[in-house]
Amino acid sequence: MLKEGKNALTAISKDEGCTWTQPHRAPGFVNSNAKIWGQRTSDGKYATVYNPSDFRWPLALSVSNNGLDYTNLLLVNGEISTMRYGGYYKSYGPQYVRGIQERNGKPVDGKLWVAYSMNKEDIWVSSIPVPIKASAKDPVKDVFNELPDGKELENWNIFSPVWAKVKIEEHKGRKCLLLSDKDEFDYAMATRLFPTSKNVTVEFTVEAGQNNHGSLYVELQNEKNTAAMRLVFDSAGKLETKAGYRMRNLMSYEVNKKYIVRIEAQTENRYFEVFVNGKEVGKGLFFAPVASLEQIVFRSGEVRRFPNVDTPTDQDFDVKQDGKPIPEAKYWIELVKTW
């Protein structure tokens, strides 16, 4: 039996908790004073979920075969939603994580379920498929209408607040991945891993329910979530790509019209081409060099950079808000493929 507390203090019991070794800081375990959760998973392995930094973000997990030796570090939630109310000791980020205590019931789906506080405000829940996978072995062939009901998002990582939902919805007679967003302070996000590649072609469809508000960001990223290139269906009806500091216009897009988008990317020369409905609409260089690519991200808002390691510890202000949703934006994705 392993017991862990704040500051990575660890003790071991060999008699079901009757006696414990002298607590010590676990070697190689990066943690400050945030809470830690560890448990046995349904496949007989062990997972420890915690904030691997001197801050309370991100929320990550590490997997072990024996509960003592941990060999990887994977992201559970790397987002920091807007802190709406200021106050002392209101740490930013996903924290105070807890799972389901042993002998207190087992999820029928075999997943690892954890609950935690975001900014010491809202309570979030994450479900983590077991066995816990760090990478994808096969190319993506997700045609959502052809996938079994309830299993369409089995290989996706989703970030889905109440007012910025990610879900499967029937649209024009076919099942689609829907990203909707009416949240002033958050966004919807869906991420799909593909085999680590130096040269990759990604194809997907997008249909927007509006072109005068909202935005859809599409990024190709490496294994550390570093975006190399970005497309944006923006709030002015333009499809753009990030070209260094600037955004470059590729074309206009219409409401309720399906677009088949294909990106051909090569990491060695940082080069990519974008095709829409079979026609080349743009080309360019990655705005960030990466050695390889392994995921595509769909997100209904621009990337967040706040807070960071130099942000003041305590937020001394409340965010102006009226508690009402903003005009909703919707984006339907019918398929995603890679090769």
C-alpha atoms as a PDB file:
ATOM      1  CA  MET A   1       0.000   0.000   0.000  1.00  0.00           C
ATOM      2  CA  LEU A   2       1.345   3.415  -1.006  1.00  0.00           C
ATOM      3  CA  LYS A   3       0.371   6.674   0.649  1.00  0.00           C
ATOM      4  CA  GLU A   4       1.107  10.034  -0.897  1.00  0.00           C
ATOM      5  CA  GLY A   5       0.448  13.562   0.362  1.00  0.00           C
ATOM      6  CA  LYS A   6       1.417  17.137  -0.344  1.00  0.00           C
ATOM      7  CA  ASN A   7       4.963  18.004  -1.402  1.00  0.00           C
ATOM      8  CA  ALA A   8       5.347  14.464  -2.840  1.00  0.00           C
ATOM      9  CA  LEU A   9       5.762  13.000   0.648  1.00  0.00           C
ATOM     10  CA  THR A  10       5.491   9.227   0.314  1.00  0.00           C
ATOM     11  CA  ALA A  11       5.251   6.306   2.715  1.00  0.00           C
ATOM     12  CA  ILE A  12       4.795   2.557   2.159  1.00  0.00           C
ATOM     13  CA  SER A  13       2.801   0.024   4.188  1.00  0.00           C
ATOM     14  CA  LYS A  14       3.206  -3.745   3.897  1.00  0.00           C
ATOM     15  CA  ASP A  15       0.415  -4.619   6.349  1.00  0.00           C
ATOM     16  CA  GLU A  16      -2.646  -2.959   4.782  1.00  0.00           C
ATOM     17  CA  GLY A  17      -2.064   0.363   6.468  1.00  0.00           C
ATOM     18  CA  CYS A  18      -1.395  -0.693  10.037  1.00  0.00           C
ATOM     19  CA  THR A  19       2.180   0.604   9.981  1.00  0.00           C
ATOM     20  CA  TRP A  20       4.057   2.880   7.608  1.00  0.00           C
ATOM     21  CA  THR A  21       7.628   3.648   6.672  1.00  0.00           C
ATOM     22  CA  GLN A  22       9.061   7.051   7.527  1.00  0.00           C
ATOM     23  CA  PRO A  23       7.626   9.574   5.005  1.00  0.00           C
ATOM     24  CA  HIS A  24      10.116  10.975   2.504  1.00  0.00           C
ATOM     25  CA  ARG A  25       9.961  12.998  -0.677  1.00  0.00           C
ATOM     26  CA  ALA A  26       9.623  10.597  -3.595  1.00  0.00           C
ATOM     27  CA  PRO A  27      12.709  10.853  -5.853  1.00  0.00           C
ATOM     28  CA  GLY A  28      11.957  12.264  -9.283  1.00  0.00           C
ATOM     29  CA  PHE A  29       8.422  13.238  -8.249  1.00  0.00           C
ATOM     30  CA  VAL A  30       7.827  16.899  -9.167  1.00  0.00           C
ATOM     31  CA  ASN A  31       5.115  18.446  -7.011  1.00  0.00           C
ATOM     32  CA  SER A  32       4.622  21.406  -4.710  1.00  0.00           C
ATOM     33  CA  ASN A  33       1.820  21.552  -2.140  1.00  0.00           C
ATOM     34  CA  ALA A  34      -1.078  20.345  -4.286  1.00  0.00           C
ATOM     35  CA  LYS A  35      -3.059  17.195  -3.520  1.00  0.00           C
ATOM     36  CA  ILE A  36      -2.177  13.855  -5.134  1.00  0.00           C
ATOM     37  CA  TRP A  37      -4.419  10.916  -6.050  1.00  0.00           C
ATOM     38  CA  GLY A  38      -3.260   7.351  -6.681  1.00  0.00           C
ATOM     39  CA  GLN A  39      -5.218   4.170  -7.314  1.00  0.00           C
ATOM     40  CA  ARG A  40      -5.204   0.791  -8.988  1.00  0.00           C
ATOM     41  CA  THR A  41      -6.794   0.801 -12.435  1.00  0.00           C
ATOM     42  CA  SER A  42      -9.133  -1.794 -13.900  1.00  0.00           C
ATOM     43  CA  ASP A  43      -6.308  -3.418 -15.916  1.00  0.00           C
ATOM     44  CA  GLY A  44      -4.324  -4.173 -12.751  1.00  0.00           C
ATOM     45  CA  LYS A  45      -1.864  -1.301 -13.151  1.00  0.00           C
ATOM     46  CA  TYR A  46      -1.615   1.853 -11.076  1.00  0.00           C
ATOM     47  CA  ALA A  47      -2.120   5.523 -11.865  1.00  0.00           C
ATOM     48  CA  THR A  48      -1.093   8.613  -9.933  1.00  0.00           C
ATOM     49  CA  VAL A  49      -2.905  11.838 -10.868  1.00  0.00           C
ATOM     50  CA  TYR A  50      -1.384  15.145  -9.781  1.00  0.00           C
ATOM     51  CA  ASN A  51       0.016  18.570 -10.743  1.00  0.00           C
ATOM     52  CA  PRO A  52       3.641  17.880 -11.836  1.00  0.00           C
ATOM     53  CA  SER A  53       4.953  21.400 -11.191  1.00  0.00           C
ATOM     54  CA  ASP A  54       5.323  24.088  -8.553  1.00  0.00           C
ATOM     55  CA  PHE A  55       1.935  25.368  -9.725  1.00  0.00           C
ATOM     56  CA  ARG A  56      -1.493  23.759  -9.792  1.00  0.00           C
ATOM     57  CA  TRP A  57      -1.432  23.151 -13.505  1.00  0.00           C
ATOM     58  CA  PRO A  58      -1.441  21.093 -15.591  1.00  0.00           C
ATOM     59  CA  LEU A  59      -3.262  18.019 -14.303  1.00  0.00           C
ATOM     60  CA  ALA A  60      -1.362  14.915 -15.383  1.00  0.00           C
ATOM     61  CA  LEU A  61      -1.031  11.231 -14.621  1.00  0.00           C
ATOM     62  CA  SER A  62       1.701   8.640 -14.517  1.00  0.00           C
ATOM     63  CA  VAL A  63       1.236   4.884 -14.934  1.00  0.00           C
ATOM     64  CA  SER A  64       3.025   2.101 -13.034  1.00  0.00           C
ATOM     65  CA  ASN A  65       2.998  -1.678 -13.191  1.00  0.00           C
ATOM     66  CA  ASN A  66       3.638  -2.075  -9.456  1.00  0.00           C
ATOM     67  CA  GLY A  67       2.555   1.202  -7.866  1.00  0.00           C
ATOM     68  CA  LEU A  68       6.140   2.197  -7.072  1.00  0.00           C
ATOM     69  CA  ASP A  69       7.989   2.712 -10.350  1.00  0.00           C
ATOM     70  CA  TYR A  70       6.420   5.261 -12.718  1.00  0.00           C
ATOM     71  CA  THR A  71       7.823   5.635 -16.216  1.00  0.00           C
ATOM     72  CA  ASN A  72       5.673   8.146 -18.110  1.00  0.00           C
ATOM     73  CA  LEU A  73       3.770  11.422 -17.722  1.00  0.00           C
ATOM     74  CA  LEU A  74       0.565  12.058 -19.657  1.00  0.00           C
ATOM     75  CA  LEU A  75      -1.793  15.022 -19.764  1.00  0.00           C
ATOM     76  CA  VAL A  76      -5.257  14.822 -18.189  1.00  0.00           C
ATOM     77  CA  ASN A  77      -6.239  18.493 -18.347  1.00  0.00           C
ATOM     78  CA  GLY A  78      -3.873  21.212 -19.503  1.00  0.00           C
ATOM     79  CA  GLU A  79      -6.493  23.957 -19.566  1.00  0.00           C
ATOM     80  CA  ILE A  80      -6.934  26.807 -17.095  1.00  0.00           C
ATOM     81  CA  SER A  81     -10.422  28.232 -17.462  1.00  0.00           C
ATOM     82  CA  THR A  82     -10.937  31.914 -16.642  1.00  0.00           C
ATOM     83  CA  MET A  83     -10.939  32.556 -12.881  1.00  0.00           C
ATOM     84  CA  ARG A  84     -14.122  34.556 -12.466  1.00  0.00           C
ATOM     85  CA  TYR A  85     -13.752  35.592  -8.826  1.00  0.00           C
ATOM     86  CA  GLY A  86     -10.575  36.848  -7.215  1.00  0.00           C
ATOM     87  CA  GLY A  87      -9.420  36.004  -3.708  1.00  0.00           C
ATOM     88  CA  TYR A  88      -6.516  34.938  -1.529  1.00  0.00           C
ATOM     89  CA  TYR A  89      -5.183  31.383  -1.909  1.00  0.00           C
ATOM     90  CA  LYS A  90      -7.360  30.826  -4.987  1.00  0.00           C
ATOM     91  CA  SER A  91      -4.755  28.945  -6.991  1.00  0.00           C
ATOM     92  CA  TYR A  92      -5.167  28.818 -10.774  1.00  0.00           C
ATOM     93  CA  GLY A  93      -5.703  25.476 -12.465  1.00  0.00           C
ATOM     94  CA  PRO A  94      -7.211  21.986 -12.031  1.00  0.00           C
ATOM     95  CA  GLN A  95      -6.475  20.845  -8.471  1.00  0.00           C
ATOM     96  CA  TYR A  96      -7.668  18.822  -5.432  1.00  0.00           C
ATOM     97  CA  VAL A  97      -8.059  15.735  -7.579  1.00  0.00           C
ATOM     98  CA  ARG A  98      -9.913  12.688  -6.253  1.00  0.00           C
ATOM     99  CA  GLY A  99     -10.914   9.377  -7.812  1.00  0.00           C
ATOM    100  CA  ILE A 100     -13.164   6.554  -6.608  1.00  0.00           C
ATOM    101  CA  GLN A 101     -11.946   5.043  -3.353  1.00  0.00           C
ATOM    102  CA  GLU A 102     -11.163   1.324  -3.406  1.00  0.00           C
ATOM    103  CA  ARG A 103     -14.154  -0.791  -2.303  1.00  0.00           C
ATOM    104  CA  ASN A 104     -16.462   2.144  -2.994  1.00  0.00           C
ATOM    105  CA  GLY A 105     -17.789   0.859  -6.318  1.00  0.00           C
ATOM    106  CA  LYS A 106     -16.323   0.188  -9.743  1.00  0.00           C
ATOM    107  CA  PRO A 107     -17.300   2.059 -12.920  1.00  0.00           C
ATOM    108  CA  VAL A 108     -19.004  -0.337 -15.326  1.00  0.00           C
ATOM    109  CA  ASP A 109     -16.970   1.103 -18.225  1.00  0.00           C
ATOM    110  CA  GLY A 110     -13.655   0.293 -16.513  1.00  0.00           C
ATOM    111  CA  LYS A 111     -12.429   3.859 -16.908  1.00  0.00           C
ATOM    112  CA  LEU A 112     -10.473   5.906 -14.397  1.00  0.00           C
ATOM    113  CA  TRP A 113     -12.827   8.661 -13.225  1.00  0.00           C
ATOM    114  CA  VAL A 114     -11.433  11.677 -11.383  1.00  0.00           C
ATOM    115  CA  ALA A 115     -13.043  14.865 -10.068  1.00  0.00           C
ATOM    116  CA  TYR A 116     -11.228  18.110  -9.287  1.00  0.00           C
ATOM    117  CA  SER A 117     -11.691  21.827  -8.773  1.00  0.00           C
ATOM    118  CA  MET A 118     -10.882  24.357 -11.487  1.00  0.00           C
ATOM    119  CA  ASN A 119      -9.475  27.525  -9.902  1.00  0.00           C
ATOM    120  CA  LYS A 120     -11.257  26.553  -6.664  1.00  0.00           C
ATOM    121  CA  GLU A 121     -14.536  27.448  -8.398  1.00  0.00           C
ATOM    122  CA  ASP A 122     -16.213  24.842 -10.617  1.00  0.00           C
ATOM    123  CA  ILE A 123     -15.977  21.088 -10.146  1.00  0.00           C
ATOM    124  CA  TRP A 124     -14.815  19.186 -13.223  1.00  0.00           C
ATOM    125  CA  VAL A 125     -14.846  15.474 -14.018  1.00  0.00           C
ATOM    126  CA  SER A 126     -12.503  13.578 -16.343  1.00  0.00           C
ATOM    127  CA  SER A 127     -12.961  10.007 -17.535  1.00  0.00           C
ATOM    128  CA  ILE A 128      -9.764   8.321 -18.673  1.00  0.00           C
ATOM    129  CA  PRO A 129      -9.996   5.142 -20.800  1.00  0.00           C
ATOM    130  CA  VAL A 130      -8.175   2.079 -19.486  1.00  0.00           C
ATOM    131  CA  PRO A 131      -5.695   0.810 -20.589  1.00  0.00           C
ATOM    132  CA  ILE A 132      -4.165   4.276 -20.620  1.00  0.00           C
ATOM    133  CA  LYS A 133      -2.527   4.899 -24.014  1.00  0.00           C
ATOM    134  CA  ALA A 134       0.163   7.436 -24.810  1.00  0.00           C
ATOM    135  CA  SER A 135       0.091   7.246 -28.607  1.00  0.00           C
ATOM    136  CA  ALA A 136      -1.846   6.052 -31.645  1.00  0.00           C
ATOM    137  CA  LYS A 137      -0.723   3.034 -33.653  1.00  0.00           C
ATOM    138  CA  ASP A 138      -3.045   3.261 -36.650  1.00  0.00           C
ATOM    139  CA  PRO A 139      -3.935   6.070 -39.072  1.00  0.00           C
ATOM    140  CA  VAL A 140      -7.216   7.862 -38.375  1.00  0.00           C
ATOM    141  CA  LYS A 141     -10.275   6.729 -40.332  1.00  0.00           C
ATOM    142  CA  ASP A 142     -13.082   8.346 -38.354  1.00  0.00           C
ATOM    143  CA  VAL A 143     -16.236   8.648 -40.440  1.00  0.00           C
ATOM    144  CA  PHE A 144     -18.569   9.312 -37.526  1.00  0.00           C
ATOM    145  CA  ASN A 145     -21.728   8.079 -39.227  1.00  0.00           C
ATOM    146  CA  GLU A 146     -20.088   4.675 -39.753  1.00  0.00           C
ATOM    147  CA  LEU A 147     -18.865   4.237 -36.166  1.00  0.00           C
ATOM    148  CA  PRO A 148     -20.907   2.315 -33.537  1.00  0.00           C
ATOM    149  CA  ASP A 149     -23.313   4.390 -31.475  1.00  0.00           C
ATOM    150  CA  GLY A 150     -21.714   5.575 -28.269  1.00  0.00           C
ATOM    151  CA  LYS A 151     -18.187   4.746 -29.436  1.00  0.00           C
ATOM    152  CA  GLU A 152     -17.624   7.548 -31.937  1.00  0.00           C
ATOM    153  CA  LEU A 153     -15.323   9.492 -29.596  1.00  0.00           C
ATOM    154  CA  GLU A 154     -13.572   6.476 -28.085  1.00  0.00           C
ATOM    155  CA  ASN A 155     -10.192   7.575 -29.483  1.00  0.00           C
ATOM    156  CA  TRP A 156     -10.639  11.310 -28.938  1.00  0.00           C
ATOM    157  CA  ASN A 157      -9.567  13.604 -26.128  1.00  0.00           C
ATOM    158  CA  ILE A 158     -12.245  16.196 -25.481  1.00  0.00           C
ATOM    159  CA  PHE A 159     -12.533  19.358 -23.388  1.00  0.00           C
ATOM    160  CA  SER A 160     -16.255  20.028 -23.026  1.00  0.00           C
ATOM    161  CA  PRO A 161     -17.540  22.729 -20.628  1.00  0.00           C
ATOM    162  CA  VAL A 162     -21.306  23.038 -20.066  1.00  0.00           C
ATOM    163  CA  TRP A 163     -21.639  25.997 -22.447  1.00  0.00           C
ATOM    164  CA  ALA A 164     -19.019  24.814 -24.934  1.00  0.00           C
ATOM    165  CA  LYS A 165     -19.967  21.228 -25.694  1.00  0.00           C
ATOM    166  CA  VAL A 166     -18.201  18.553 -27.686  1.00  0.00           C
ATOM    167  CA  LYS A 167     -20.532  15.750 -28.703  1.00  0.00           C
ATOM    168  CA  ILE A 168     -21.876  13.558 -31.490  1.00  0.00           C
ATOM    169  CA  GLU A 169     -25.000  14.989 -33.088  1.00  0.00           C
ATOM    170  CA  GLU A 170     -27.035  14.019 -36.118  1.00  0.00           C
ATOM    171  CA  HIS A 171     -26.804  16.734 -38.753  1.00  0.00           C
ATOM    172  CA  LYS A 172     -28.470  16.532 -42.149  1.00  0.00           C
ATOM    173  CA  GLY A 173     -29.114  12.833 -41.616  1.00  0.00           C
ATOM    174  CA  ARG A 174     -25.539  11.907 -40.631  1.00  0.00           C
ATOM    175  CA  LYS A 175     -23.722  11.639 -37.317  1.00  0.00           C
ATOM    176  CA  CYS A 176     -21.130  14.379 -36.921  1.00  0.00           C
ATOM    177  CA  LEU A 177     -18.709  15.632 -34.321  1.00  0.00           C
ATOM    178  CA  LEU A 178     -20.161  18.922 -33.068  1.00  0.00           C
ATOM    179  CA  LEU A 179     -18.214  21.702 -31.392  1.00  0.00           C
ATOM    180  CA  SER A 180     -20.597  24.337 -30.045  1.00  0.00           C
ATOM    181  CA  ASP A 181     -19.676  27.400 -28.023  1.00  0.00           C
ATOM    182  CA  LYS A 182     -21.765  30.008 -26.218  1.00  0.00           C
ATOM    183  CA  ASP A 183     -19.305  30.532 -23.356  1.00  0.00           C
ATOM    184  CA  GLU A 184     -17.647  33.942 -23.066  1.00  0.00           C
ATOM    185  CA  PHE A 185     -14.798  32.552 -20.975  1.00  0.00           C
ATOM    186  CA  ASP A 186     -14.150  29.052 -22.341  1.00  0.00           C
ATOM    187  CA  TYR A 187     -14.113  26.950 -25.489  1.00  0.00           C
ATOM    188  CA  ALA A 188     -14.781  23.461 -26.812  1.00  0.00           C
ATOM    189  CA  MET A 189     -11.831  21.339 -27.912  1.00  0.00           C
ATOM    190  CA  ALA A 190     -11.435  17.914 -29.522  1.00  0.00           C
ATOM    191  CA  THR A 191      -8.054  16.263 -30.138  1.00  0.00           C
ATOM    192  CA  ARG A 192      -7.241  13.161 -32.154  1.00  0.00           C
ATOM    193  CA  LEU A 193      -3.865  11.397 -32.066  1.00  0.00           C
ATOM    194  CA  PHE A 194      -2.371   9.816 -35.177  1.00  0.00           C
ATOM    195  CA  PRO A 195       0.884   7.840 -35.561  1.00  0.00           C
ATOM    196  CA  THR A 196       3.972   9.995 -35.059  1.00  0.00           C
ATOM    197  CA  SER A 197       4.874  11.259 -38.529  1.00  0.00           C
ATOM    198  CA  LYS A 198       7.415  13.441 -40.284  1.00  0.00           C
ATOM    199  CA  ASN A 199       5.190  13.635 -43.374  1.00  0.00           C
ATOM    200  CA  VAL A 200       1.431  13.459 -42.937  1.00  0.00           C
ATOM    201  CA  THR A 201      -1.759  14.195 -44.834  1.00  0.00           C
ATOM    202  CA  VAL A 202      -4.825  15.093 -42.793  1.00  0.00           C
ATOM    203  CA  GLU A 203      -8.298  15.361 -44.264  1.00  0.00           C
ATOM    204  CA  PHE A 204     -11.474  16.525 -42.527  1.00  0.00           C
ATOM    205  CA  THR A 205     -14.758  18.242 -43.245  1.00  0.00           C
ATOM    206  CA  VAL A 206     -16.107  21.401 -41.637  1.00  0.00           C
ATOM    207  CA  GLU A 207     -19.542  22.962 -41.820  1.00  0.00           C
ATOM    208  CA  ALA A 208     -20.107  26.191 -39.907  1.00  0.00           C
ATOM    209  CA  GLY A 209     -23.512  27.264 -38.622  1.00  0.00           C
ATOM    210  CA  GLN A 210     -22.495  30.941 -38.853  1.00  0.00           C
ATOM    211  CA  ASN A 211     -19.740  33.144 -40.258  1.00  0.00           C
ATOM    212  CA  ASN A 212     -20.287  36.414 -38.373  1.00  0.00           C
ATOM    213  CA  HIS A 213     -19.294  35.284 -34.869  1.00  0.00           C
ATOM    214  CA  GLY A 214     -17.336  32.496 -33.247  1.00  0.00           C
ATOM    215  CA  SER A 215     -14.189  30.845 -34.604  1.00  0.00           C
ATOM    216  CA  LEU A 216     -12.769  27.389 -35.196  1.00  0.00           C
ATOM    217  CA  TYR A 217      -9.042  26.824 -34.785  1.00  0.00           C
ATOM    218  CA  VAL A 218      -7.472  23.751 -36.422  1.00  0.00           C
ATOM    219  CA  GLU A 219      -3.903  22.875 -35.482  1.00  0.00           C
ATOM    220  CA  LEU A 220      -1.361  20.158 -36.217  1.00  0.00           C
ATOM    221  CA  GLN A 221       0.709  19.561 -33.081  1.00  0.00           C
ATOM    222  CA  ASN A 222       3.599  17.432 -31.883  1.00  0.00           C
ATOM    223  CA  GLU A 223       3.647  15.117 -28.862  1.00  0.00           C
ATOM    224  CA  LYS A 224       4.114  18.032 -26.455  1.00  0.00           C
ATOM    225  CA  ASN A 225       1.118  19.984 -27.772  1.00  0.00           C
ATOM    226  CA  THR A 226       3.292  22.453 -29.665  1.00  0.00           C
ATOM    227  CA  ALA A 227       1.333  23.684 -32.672  1.00  0.00           C
ATOM    228  CA  ALA A 228       3.331  23.780 -35.918  1.00  0.00           C
ATOM    229  CA  MET A 229       0.632  25.190 -38.209  1.00  0.00           C
ATOM    230  CA  ARG A 230      -2.842  26.625 -37.722  1.00  0.00           C
ATOM    231  CA  LEU A 231      -5.986  27.231 -39.753  1.00  0.00           C
ATOM    232  CA  VAL A 232      -8.753  29.519 -38.489  1.00  0.00           C
ATOM    233  CA  PHE A 233     -12.361  29.768 -39.624  1.00  0.00           C
ATOM    234  CA  ASP A 234     -12.729  33.278 -38.220  1.00  0.00           C
ATOM    235  CA  SER A 235     -15.647  35.487 -37.141  1.00  0.00           C
ATOM    236  CA  ALA A 236     -15.535  37.517 -40.371  1.00  0.00           C
ATOM    237  CA  GLY A 237     -16.226  34.594 -42.719  1.00  0.00           C
ATOM    238  CA  LYS A 238     -12.572  34.058 -43.688  1.00  0.00           C
ATOM    239  CA  LEU A 239     -10.441  30.920 -43.643  1.00  0.00           C
ATOM    240  CA  GLU A 240      -6.960  32.009 -42.618  1.00  0.00           C
ATOM    241  CA  THR A 241      -3.629  30.455 -41.758  1.00  0.00           C
ATOM    242  CA  LYS A 242      -1.009  31.680 -39.320  1.00  0.00           C
ATOM    243  CA  ALA A 243       2.072  32.938 -41.184  1.00  0.00           C
ATOM    244  CA  GLY A 244       4.627  33.951 -38.573  1.00  0.00           C
ATOM    245  CA  TYR A 245       3.246  36.947 -36.675  1.00  0.00           C
ATOM    246  CA  ARG A 246       0.482  37.545 -39.191  1.00  0.00           C
ATOM    247  CA  MET A 247      -2.646  35.789 -40.401  1.00  0.00           C
ATOM    248  CA  ARG A 248      -2.901  35.108 -44.141  1.00  0.00           C
ATOM    249  CA  ASN A 249      -6.312  34.983 -45.817  1.00  0.00           C
ATOM    250  CA  LEU A 250      -6.948  31.834 -47.861  1.00  0.00           C
ATOM    251  CA  MET A 251     -10.626  32.123 -48.842  1.00  0.00           C
ATOM    252  CA  SER A 252     -14.111  33.036 -47.684  1.00  0.00           C
ATOM    253  CA  TYR A 253     -16.445  30.405 -46.254  1.00  0.00           C
ATOM    254  CA  GLU A 254     -20.247  30.261 -46.315  1.00  0.00           C
ATOM    255  CA  VAL A 255     -22.798  29.279 -43.699  1.00  0.00           C
ATOM    256  CA  ASN A 256     -24.147  25.699 -43.772  1.00  0.00           C
ATOM    257  CA  LYS A 257     -21.794  24.641 -46.557  1.00  0.00           C
ATOM    258  CA  LYS A 258     -19.574  21.595 -46.147  1.00  0.00           C
ATOM    259  CA  TYR A 259     -15.893  22.041 -46.939  1.00  0.00           C
ATOM    260  CA  ILE A 260     -13.470  19.150 -47.407  1.00  0.00           C
ATOM    261  CA  VAL A 261     -10.110  20.349 -46.114  1.00  0.00           C
ATOM    262  CA  ARG A 262      -6.827  18.533 -46.775  1.00  0.00           C
ATOM    263  CA  ILE A 263      -3.493  19.493 -45.219  1.00  0.00           C
ATOM    264  CA  GLU A 264      -0.246  18.002 -46.517  1.00  0.00           C
ATOM    265  CA  ALA A 265       2.569  18.668 -44.048  1.00  0.00           C
ATOM    266  CA  GLN A 266       6.298  17.890 -43.999  1.00  0.00           C
ATOM    267  CA  THR A 267       8.378  18.523 -40.892  1.00  0.00           C
ATOM    268  CA  GLU A 268      11.828  18.329 -42.499  1.00  0.00           C
ATOM    269  CA  ASN A 269      11.345  21.498 -44.546  1.00  0.00           C
ATOM    270  CA  ARG A 270       8.505  22.954 -42.367  1.00  0.00           C
ATOM    271  CA  TYR A 271       6.279  23.075 -45.450  1.00  0.00           C
ATOM    272  CA  PHE A 272       2.530  22.595 -45.761  1.00  0.00           C
ATOM    273  CA  GLU A 273      -0.168  22.916 -48.399  1.00  0.00           C
ATOM    274  CA  VAL A 274      -3.893  23.414 -47.851  1.00  0.00           C
ATOM    275  CA  PHE A 275      -6.559  22.131 -50.248  1.00  0.00           C
ATOM    276  CA  VAL A 276     -10.300  22.849 -49.970  1.00  0.00           C
ATOM    277  CA  ASN A 277     -12.732  20.764 -52.020  1.00  0.00           C
ATOM    278  CA  GLY A 278      -9.793  19.512 -54.071  1.00  0.00           C
ATOM    279  CA  LYS A 279      -8.377  22.964 -54.905  1.00  0.00           C
ATOM    280  CA  GLU A 280      -5.158  24.347 -53.466  1.00  0.00           C
ATOM    281  CA  VAL A 281      -5.938  27.519 -51.484  1.00  0.00           C
ATOM    282  CA  GLY A 282      -2.651  28.127 -49.699  1.00  0.00           C
ATOM    283  CA  LYS A 283       0.823  26.995 -48.770  1.00  0.00           C
ATOM    284  CA  GLY A 284       3.467  28.083 -46.316  1.00  0.00           C
ATOM    285  CA  LEU A 285       5.960  27.269 -43.603  1.00  0.00           C
ATOM    286  CA  PHE A 286       5.258  26.090 -40.054  1.00  0.00           C
ATOM    287  CA  PHE A 287       5.274  29.005 -37.630  1.00  0.00           C
ATOM    288  CA  ALA A 288       6.984  26.673 -35.122  1.00  0.00           C
ATOM    289  CA  PRO A 289       9.504  24.011 -36.183  1.00  0.00           C
ATOM    290  CA  VAL A 290       8.851  20.513 -34.860  1.00  0.00           C
ATOM    291  CA  ALA A 291      10.589  17.197 -35.433  1.00  0.00           C
ATOM    292  CA  SER A 292       7.330  15.285 -35.928  1.00  0.00           C
ATOM    293  CA  LEU A 293       3.556  15.593 -35.751  1.00  0.00           C
ATOM    294  CA  GLU A 294       1.074  13.357 -33.937  1.00  0.00           C
ATOM    295  CA  GLN A 295      -2.236  15.114 -33.312  1.00  0.00           C
ATOM    296  CA  ILE A 296      -4.887  17.322 -34.844  1.00  0.00           C
ATOM    297  CA  VAL A 297      -6.773  19.744 -32.624  1.00  0.00           C
ATOM    298  CA  PHE A 298     -10.137  21.412 -33.217  1.00  0.00           C
ATOM    299  CA  ARG A 299     -10.844  24.304 -30.832  1.00  0.00           C
ATOM    300  CA  SER A 300     -13.619  26.931 -30.735  1.00  0.00           C
ATOM    301  CA  GLY A 301     -11.335  29.733 -29.530  1.00  0.00           C
ATOM    302  CA  GLU A 302      -7.799  31.067 -29.611  1.00  0.00           C
ATOM    303  CA  VAL A 303      -5.026  29.504 -27.561  1.00  0.00           C
ATOM    304  CA  ARG A 304      -4.713  30.620 -23.932  1.00  0.00           C
ATOM    305  CA  ARG A 305      -1.432  31.896 -22.460  1.00  0.00           C
ATOM    306  CA  PHE A 306      -2.781  33.044 -19.088  1.00  0.00           C
ATOM    307  CA  PRO A 307      -1.770  32.492 -16.390  1.00  0.00           C
ATOM    308  CA  ASN A 308       1.926  31.810 -16.698  1.00  0.00           C
ATOM    309  CA  VAL A 309       4.789  31.269 -14.249  1.00  0.00           C
ATOM    310  CA  ASP A 310       5.175  35.036 -13.746  1.00  0.00           C
ATOM    311  CA  THR A 311       1.487  35.793 -13.117  1.00  0.00           C
ATOM    312  CA  PRO A 312       0.875  37.248  -9.618  1.00  0.00           C
ATOM    313  CA  THR A 313      -0.083  34.530  -7.141  1.00  0.00           C
ATOM    314  CA  ASP A 314      -3.465  35.926  -6.083  1.00  0.00           C
ATOM    315  CA  GLN A 315      -6.028  37.435  -8.437  1.00  0.00           C
ATOM    316  CA  ASP A 316      -7.381  40.540  -6.708  1.00  0.00           C
ATOM    317  CA  PHE A 317     -10.275  41.264  -9.056  1.00  0.00           C
ATOM    318  CA  ASP A 318     -13.532  39.718 -10.277  1.00  0.00           C
ATOM    319  CA  VAL A 319     -14.063  39.252 -14.008  1.00  0.00           C
ATOM    320  CA  LYS A 320     -16.893  41.372 -15.400  1.00  0.00           C
ATOM    321  CA  GLN A 321     -19.772  39.073 -16.310  1.00  0.00           C
ATOM    322  CA  ASP A 322     -23.545  38.939 -16.456  1.00  0.00           C
ATOM    323  CA  GLY A 323     -24.030  35.164 -16.281  1.00  0.00           C
ATOM    324  CA  LYS A 324     -25.600  34.961 -19.728  1.00  0.00           C
ATOM    325  CA  PRO A 325     -24.419  33.027 -22.785  1.00  0.00           C
ATOM    326  CA  ILE A 326     -23.009  34.770 -25.823  1.00  0.00           C
ATOM    327  CA  PRO A 327     -24.360  34.028 -29.339  1.00  0.00           C
ATOM    328  CA  GLU A 328     -23.715  30.353 -29.985  1.00  0.00           C
ATOM    329  CA  ALA A 329     -21.322  29.159 -32.669  1.00  0.00           C
ATOM    330  CA  LYS A 330     -21.529  25.630 -34.096  1.00  0.00           C
ATOM    331  CA  TYR A 331     -19.154  23.571 -36.234  1.00  0.00           C
ATOM    332  CA  TRP A 332     -19.957  20.104 -37.569  1.00  0.00           C
ATOM    333  CA  ILE A 333     -17.194  17.704 -38.584  1.00  0.00           C
ATOM    334  CA  GLU A 334     -18.302  14.650 -40.551  1.00  0.00           C
ATOM    335  CA  LEU A 335     -14.981  12.833 -40.874  1.00  0.00           C
ATOM    336  CA  VAL A 336     -11.295  12.954 -39.993  1.00  0.00           C
ATOM    337  CA  LYS A 337      -8.666  10.867 -41.800  1.00  0.00           C
ATOM    338  CA  THR A 338      -4.871  10.720 -41.877  1.00  0.00           C
ATOM    339  CA  TRP A 339      -2.310   8.949 -44.015  1.00  0.00           C
END
